[in-house]
Protein backbone atom coordinates (compact mmCIF):
# COMPACT_ATOMS: atom_id res chain seq x y z
CA MET A 1 0.07 0.04 0.06
CA ASP A 2 1.24 3.62 -0.85
CA VAL A 3 1.32 5.54 2.29
CA VAL A 4 1.90 9.21 2.57
CA TYR A 5 3.00 10.35 6.09
CA ASN A 6 5.00 13.09 4.87
CA HIS A 7 2.37 15.97 4.40
CA MET A 8 -1.26 16.73 5.04
CA PHE A 9 -3.75 18.35 3.03
CA SER A 10 -3.81 21.38 4.72
CA PRO A 11 -2.02 23.15 7.81
CA ASP A 12 -5.22 22.96 9.38
CA ASN A 13 -5.40 19.55 10.24
CA TRP A 14 -6.41 17.73 13.17
CA PHE A 15 -2.84 16.93 14.35
CA GLU A 16 -2.20 20.75 14.21
CA ARG A 17 -5.47 21.26 16.11
CA ILE A 18 -4.52 18.91 19.07
CA VAL A 19 -1.19 20.57 19.63
CA LEU A 20 -0.42 23.62 17.72
CA GLU A 21 3.02 23.81 16.30
CA TYR A 22 3.92 20.43 17.06
CA PHE A 23 3.30 17.93 14.59
CA LEU A 24 4.14 20.32 11.50
CA ARG A 25 7.94 21.46 10.84
CA ARG A 26 8.35 25.10 10.76
CA LYS A 27 11.50 27.27 9.51
CA PRO A 28 13.34 29.40 12.31
CA ASN A 29 10.72 32.30 11.45
CA GLY A 30 7.72 30.40 12.05
CA ALA A 31 7.02 29.68 8.40
CA LEU A 32 5.57 26.44 7.37
CA SER A 33 8.35 23.87 6.03
CA ASN A 34 7.33 22.78 2.21
CA GLY A 35 9.71 20.00 1.30
CA SER A 36 6.88 18.07 0.25
CA GLY A 37 5.65 20.75 -2.19
CA CYS A 38 2.32 20.58 -0.68
CA GLY A 39 2.45 23.60 1.99
CA CYS A 40 3.14 21.43 5.23
CA ASP A 41 5.66 18.94 6.16
CA MET A 42 5.10 16.30 9.06
CA ALA A 43 7.59 16.21 11.75
CA THR A 44 7.93 12.82 11.84
CA GLU A 45 11.00 12.88 14.16
CA ARG A 46 8.67 14.29 17.14
CA ALA A 47 7.75 11.46 19.57
CA MET A 48 4.01 11.62 19.09
CA PHE A 49 3.93 11.78 15.15
CA ARG A 50 6.70 8.94 15.00
CA ARG A 51 4.38 6.75 17.33
CA PHE A 52 1.40 7.38 14.81
CA VAL A 53 3.50 6.39 12.09
CA VAL A 54 4.72 3.14 13.60
CA GLU A 55 1.63 1.84 14.99
CA SER A 56 -0.82 3.00 12.01
CA VAL A 57 1.52 1.10 9.49
CA ALA A 58 1.73 -2.14 11.81
CA TYR A 59 -2.09 -1.69 12.33
CA TRP A 60 -2.63 -1.80 8.65
CA ALA A 61 -0.25 -4.94 8.31
CA ARG A 62 -1.64 -6.67 11.25
CA GLU A 63 -5.66 -6.31 10.71
CA TYR A 64 -5.52 -5.93 7.00
CA HIS A 65 -2.89 -8.53 6.19
CA LEU A 66 -0.92 -6.06 3.89
CA ASP A 67 2.12 -7.46 2.75
CA GLY A 68 4.10 -4.57 1.69
CA PHE A 69 4.36 -0.38 2.13
CA ARG A 70 5.72 1.94 -0.38
CA PHE A 71 6.65 5.50 1.36
CA ASP A 72 5.86 8.82 -0.44
CA LEU A 73 8.74 11.21 -0.26
CA MET A 74 10.72 8.98 2.27
CA GLY A 75 13.24 11.62 2.10
CA LEU A 76 11.23 13.62 4.28
CA ILE A 77 10.86 11.19 6.95
CA ASP A 78 13.68 10.68 9.35
CA VAL A 79 15.57 7.25 9.60
CA ASP A 80 14.58 6.85 13.35
CA THR A 81 11.00 6.46 12.35
CA MET A 82 11.57 4.24 9.37
CA ASN A 83 13.65 1.93 11.29
CA ALA A 84 11.01 2.00 13.90
CA VAL A 85 8.37 0.71 11.64
CA ARG A 86 10.83 -2.11 10.40
CA ALA A 87 11.14 -3.17 13.99
CA ALA A 88 7.22 -3.03 14.41
CA LEU A 89 6.66 -4.93 11.49
CA ASP A 90 9.36 -7.55 12.20
CA GLU A 91 7.42 -8.50 15.38
CA ILE A 92 4.30 -9.62 13.73
CA PRO A 93 4.19 -13.03 14.20
CA ASP A 94 5.11 -15.38 11.25
CA ARG A 95 5.14 -13.06 8.24
CA GLY A 96 6.49 -9.59 9.93
CA PRO A 97 10.13 -10.19 8.54
CA SER A 98 8.70 -10.83 4.94
CA ILE A 99 6.55 -7.53 4.84
CA LEU A 100 7.87 -5.05 2.30
CA MET A 101 9.27 -1.95 2.97
CA TYR A 102 10.36 0.86 0.38
CA GLY A 103 10.12 4.38 -0.68
CA GLU A 104 11.25 7.47 -2.55
CA PRO A 105 14.60 8.70 -1.08
CA TRP A 106 14.05 12.26 -2.11
CA SER A 107 11.99 15.41 -1.52
CA ALA A 108 10.40 18.28 -3.50
CA SER A 109 12.99 20.75 -1.87
CA ALA A 110 14.51 21.17 1.72
CA THR A 111 12.40 20.91 4.81
CA ALA A 112 13.20 21.93 8.23
CA ALA A 113 13.60 19.07 10.27
CA LEU A 114 14.58 19.35 14.11
CA PRO A 115 18.27 19.69 14.79
CA GLY A 116 20.28 16.47 14.49
CA THR A 117 17.37 14.49 12.46
CA VAL A 118 18.95 12.18 9.66
CA LEU A 119 16.40 11.87 6.97
CA ALA A 120 15.72 8.65 5.19
CA ASP A 121 17.09 10.36 1.69
CA LYS A 122 20.20 9.13 -0.30
CA ALA A 123 22.64 10.46 2.28
CA GLY A 124 20.95 8.97 4.99
CA LEU A 125 20.77 5.12 3.42
CA PRO A 126 23.67 3.99 5.58
CA GLN A 127 21.44 4.52 8.80
CA LEU A 128 18.68 2.91 7.15
CA ASP A 129 17.97 -0.64 7.86
CA ASN A 130 19.23 -2.55 4.99
CA ARG A 131 15.85 -4.32 4.49
CA ILE A 132 14.33 -1.08 3.64
CA GLY A 133 14.47 -0.34 0.06
CA HIS A 134 14.51 2.65 -2.14
CA PHE A 135 13.68 3.56 -5.88
CA CYS A 136 17.03 4.00 -7.50
CA ASP A 137 16.44 7.29 -9.81
CA THR A 138 19.97 7.46 -10.79
CA THR A 139 19.56 3.92 -12.66
CA ARG A 140 16.50 5.54 -14.34
CA ASP A 141 18.04 8.59 -15.64
CA ALA A 142 21.10 6.66 -16.80
CA ILE A 143 18.77 4.46 -18.93
CA LYS A 144 16.22 6.84 -20.18
CA GLY A 145 17.75 10.37 -19.71
CA HIS A 146 17.27 13.28 -17.06
CA VAL A 147 13.75 13.38 -15.59
CA PHE A 148 13.38 16.93 -15.62
CA PHE A 149 14.83 17.83 -19.00
CA SER A 150 12.72 15.98 -21.60
CA ASP A 151 15.24 16.21 -24.55
CA ARG A 152 18.32 14.88 -22.29
CA PRO A 153 18.68 11.21 -23.63
CA GLY A 154 19.98 8.26 -21.59
CA TYR A 155 21.49 4.68 -22.62
CA VAL A 156 18.69 3.55 -24.87
CA ASN A 157 17.92 6.92 -26.61
CA GLY A 158 20.78 8.10 -28.23
CA GLY A 159 23.18 8.69 -24.97
CA MET A 160 24.71 5.23 -25.04
CA HIS A 161 28.37 6.23 -24.66
CA GLU A 162 28.04 8.88 -21.92
CA ASN A 163 25.81 6.81 -19.72
CA ALA A 164 27.41 3.06 -20.56
CA ALA A 165 29.55 3.43 -17.33
CA SER A 166 26.68 4.26 -15.28
CA VAL A 167 24.54 1.29 -16.74
CA ARG A 168 27.36 -0.89 -15.84
CA ASP A 169 27.30 0.53 -12.10
CA ALA A 170 23.60 -0.08 -12.36
CA VAL A 171 23.83 -3.86 -13.65
CA ASN A 172 25.98 -4.24 -10.34
CA ALA A 173 23.70 -2.66 -7.97
CA TRP A 174 26.16 0.38 -7.53
CA ARG A 175 28.33 -1.76 -5.48
CA ALA A 176 31.44 -0.59 -6.99
CA SER A 177 30.39 3.05 -7.43
CA LYS A 178 30.80 6.00 -5.11
CA GLN A 179 27.28 6.95 -5.84
CA PRO A 180 25.38 6.60 -2.57
CA GLU A 181 22.62 4.03 -3.14
CA GLY A 182 22.87 1.86 0.05
CA VAL A 183 23.43 -2.04 0.05
CA ALA A 184 22.70 -4.01 -3.09
CA GLY A 185 19.40 -5.33 -1.34
CA GLN A 186 18.08 -1.78 -1.04
CA VAL A 187 18.43 -0.91 -4.38
CA ILE A 188 14.96 -1.05 -6.73
CA GLN A 189 15.94 -0.67 -10.34
CA TYR A 190 13.32 0.95 -12.39
CA VAL A 191 12.69 3.02 -15.62
CA SER A 192 9.17 4.23 -15.66
CA ALA A 193 6.81 5.07 -12.69
CA HIS A 194 3.64 7.14 -11.93
CA ASP A 195 5.80 10.56 -11.62
CA ASP A 196 7.03 12.68 -14.44
CA LEU A 197 6.85 11.47 -18.26
CA THR A 198 6.18 7.81 -18.89
CA LEU A 199 8.73 5.97 -20.74
CA TRP A 200 6.97 6.23 -23.98
CA ASP A 201 6.62 9.91 -23.74
CA LYS A 202 10.27 10.27 -22.62
CA LEU A 203 11.29 8.48 -25.88
CA CYS A 204 9.13 10.43 -28.10
CA ALA A 205 10.41 13.98 -26.70
CA SER A 206 14.11 12.99 -26.62
CA LEU A 207 14.11 11.40 -30.03
CA ALA A 208 12.22 14.49 -31.38
CA ALA A 209 14.37 16.98 -29.83
CA LYS A 210 17.50 14.96 -31.36
CA SER A 211 15.97 15.14 -34.67
CA LEU A 212 15.08 19.02 -34.43
CA GLY A 213 18.51 20.04 -33.26
CA SER A 214 17.39 21.21 -30.33
CA ALA A 215 19.85 21.45 -27.37
CA VAL A 216 19.46 22.04 -23.31
CA SER A 217 22.01 23.75 -21.61
CA GLU A 218 22.57 23.64 -18.09
CA GLY A 219 20.30 25.90 -15.96
CA ASP A 220 17.74 25.93 -18.80
CA ASN A 221 14.10 25.37 -17.75
CA GLU A 222 12.87 21.68 -17.38
CA ASN A 223 11.09 20.03 -20.04
CA SER A 224 12.17 22.47 -23.10
CA VAL A 225 10.18 19.98 -25.40
CA ASP A 226 6.65 20.58 -25.76
CA VAL A 227 5.75 16.94 -25.12
CA PRO A 228 1.95 17.19 -25.44
CA LYS A 229 2.58 19.27 -29.04
CA ALA A 230 5.26 16.78 -30.20
CA LEU A 231 2.82 13.62 -29.42
CA TYR A 232 -0.08 15.28 -31.04
CA ASP A 233 1.69 16.18 -34.25
CA ALA A 234 3.26 12.87 -34.44
CA ASP A 235 2.06 10.36 -37.61
CA LEU A 236 1.72 7.18 -35.97
CA SER A 237 0.01 5.54 -38.82
CA GLU A 238 1.91 2.32 -39.94
CA ALA A 239 2.98 4.25 -43.05
CA GLY A 240 4.23 7.02 -40.79
CA LEU A 241 6.28 5.03 -38.68
CA ALA A 242 7.90 3.22 -41.30
CA GLY A 243 9.08 6.52 -42.76
CA ARG A 244 10.65 7.27 -39.56
CA PHE A 245 12.81 4.20 -38.89
CA ARG A 246 14.94 2.59 -41.54
CA ASP A 247 16.31 -0.88 -41.18
CA CYS A 248 19.78 -0.56 -39.70
CA ARG A 249 21.03 -3.82 -41.02
CA GLY A 250 21.87 -1.92 -44.54
CA HIS A 251 24.27 0.36 -42.58
CA GLY A 252 26.65 -1.95 -41.18
CA HIS A 253 25.69 -1.80 -37.65
CA GLY A 254 25.51 -5.37 -36.86
CA ASP A 255 21.96 -7.07 -35.82
CA GLY A 256 19.98 -3.92 -37.02
CA CYS A 257 17.15 -2.77 -34.98
CA GLU A 258 17.71 -5.09 -32.05
CA SER A 259 20.45 -2.48 -30.71
CA TYR A 260 18.01 0.40 -30.86
CA GLY A 261 19.04 3.10 -28.54
CA GLY A 262 22.93 2.87 -29.05
CA GLY A 263 22.63 6.12 -30.65
CA HIS A 264 24.85 5.39 -33.80
CA CYS A 265 22.73 2.51 -34.82
CA ALA A 266 19.39 4.29 -34.98
CA HIS A 267 18.75 6.36 -38.08
CA PHE A 268 15.64 8.43 -38.68
CA ARG A 269 14.27 10.20 -41.17
CA GLY A 270 12.51 13.88 -41.24
CA HIS A 271 11.55 16.23 -38.97
CA SER A 272 9.10 15.62 -35.80
CA VAL A 273 10.86 12.17 -35.22
CA HIS A 274 9.28 10.11 -32.42
CA ALA A 275 9.89 6.75 -30.75
CA VAL A 276 8.44 4.14 -32.84
CA TRP A 277 6.88 0.72 -31.83
CA ARG A 278 9.69 -1.20 -33.68
CA GLY A 279 12.17 0.59 -31.57
CA VAL A 280 10.44 0.72 -28.17
CA ARG A 281 9.97 -3.16 -28.91
CA ALA A 282 13.54 -3.83 -29.72
CA TYR A 283 14.33 -1.45 -26.31
CA GLU A 284 12.25 -4.33 -24.32
CA ILE A 285 14.08 -7.07 -25.94
CA ARG A 286 17.33 -5.23 -24.83
CA GLN A 287 16.11 -4.81 -21.43
CA PHE A 288 14.95 -8.31 -20.93
CA ARG A 289 18.52 -9.41 -21.99
CA PHE A 290 19.92 -6.93 -19.45
CA VAL A 291 18.22 -8.67 -16.57
CA ARG A 292 18.42 -12.22 -17.83
CA PHE A 293 21.84 -12.62 -18.98
CA GLY A 294 23.48 -9.42 -17.59
CA ALA A 295 25.14 -6.37 -19.31
CA ARG A 296 28.86 -7.25 -20.60
CA ALA A 297 27.87 -8.21 -23.95
CA GLU A 298 25.22 -5.54 -24.46
CA LEU A 299 27.90 -3.05 -23.35
CA ALA A 300 30.85 -4.35 -25.08
């Protein structure tokens, strides 16, 4: 179950009404902290709210037999609270240790936690129980490109060479990397989720930008490609798709479209270029081989 303990709908909530200025994080000037982007951050580091989190998760697991919890913006929750939840679940007879815990190791922006609080973000992973997993956004960006800049490619959509080292690290669960990703068992590798562009839209936007010669420099606004317009303008008919993607086998690049996403082996015609089904299918095949057989042969 997706659980959201990091913020409330409004600062005028029952926690705040019970004890004014206790349950919500505030800056030194008294202003509400907004690391969640929702107007108010819950002070999970305070004893009574920590108790609420721990006891409510244990209740859901015990009474409704839930077998896993996904923590929204886990980077706003302190590690002591997360570890206390893990300990409480482990105490449930028979199945407690098998109940999954994982979350998003980031926040929308900085929060105003009490001094000395260690948050369950990437920096706090060493202090987090190693049976609490996290979504590895580093793997996501290495494979399909920057999450906030829609036209920056990743390994599968034109940025093979610059992302190859990161993909190798991802296959090894980042164990040999200086990137803080915790232990291997904590890493959840993923490419597409419910936030931001879907994988299909990201491929469309990045390939369209490459075809049109669009470039994004550091500091530019995110999502410089008008993704809705690019998708609206796309010719997704069978004839249109056939004209967008040429068979790579005629260009001396090995097994043709099977290696789609390698930058030099994908050839496109015309403007307003978009990810085509043939290419996406080849990407799926490559991902299967990635998971099933490892990446050494693919990255050679």
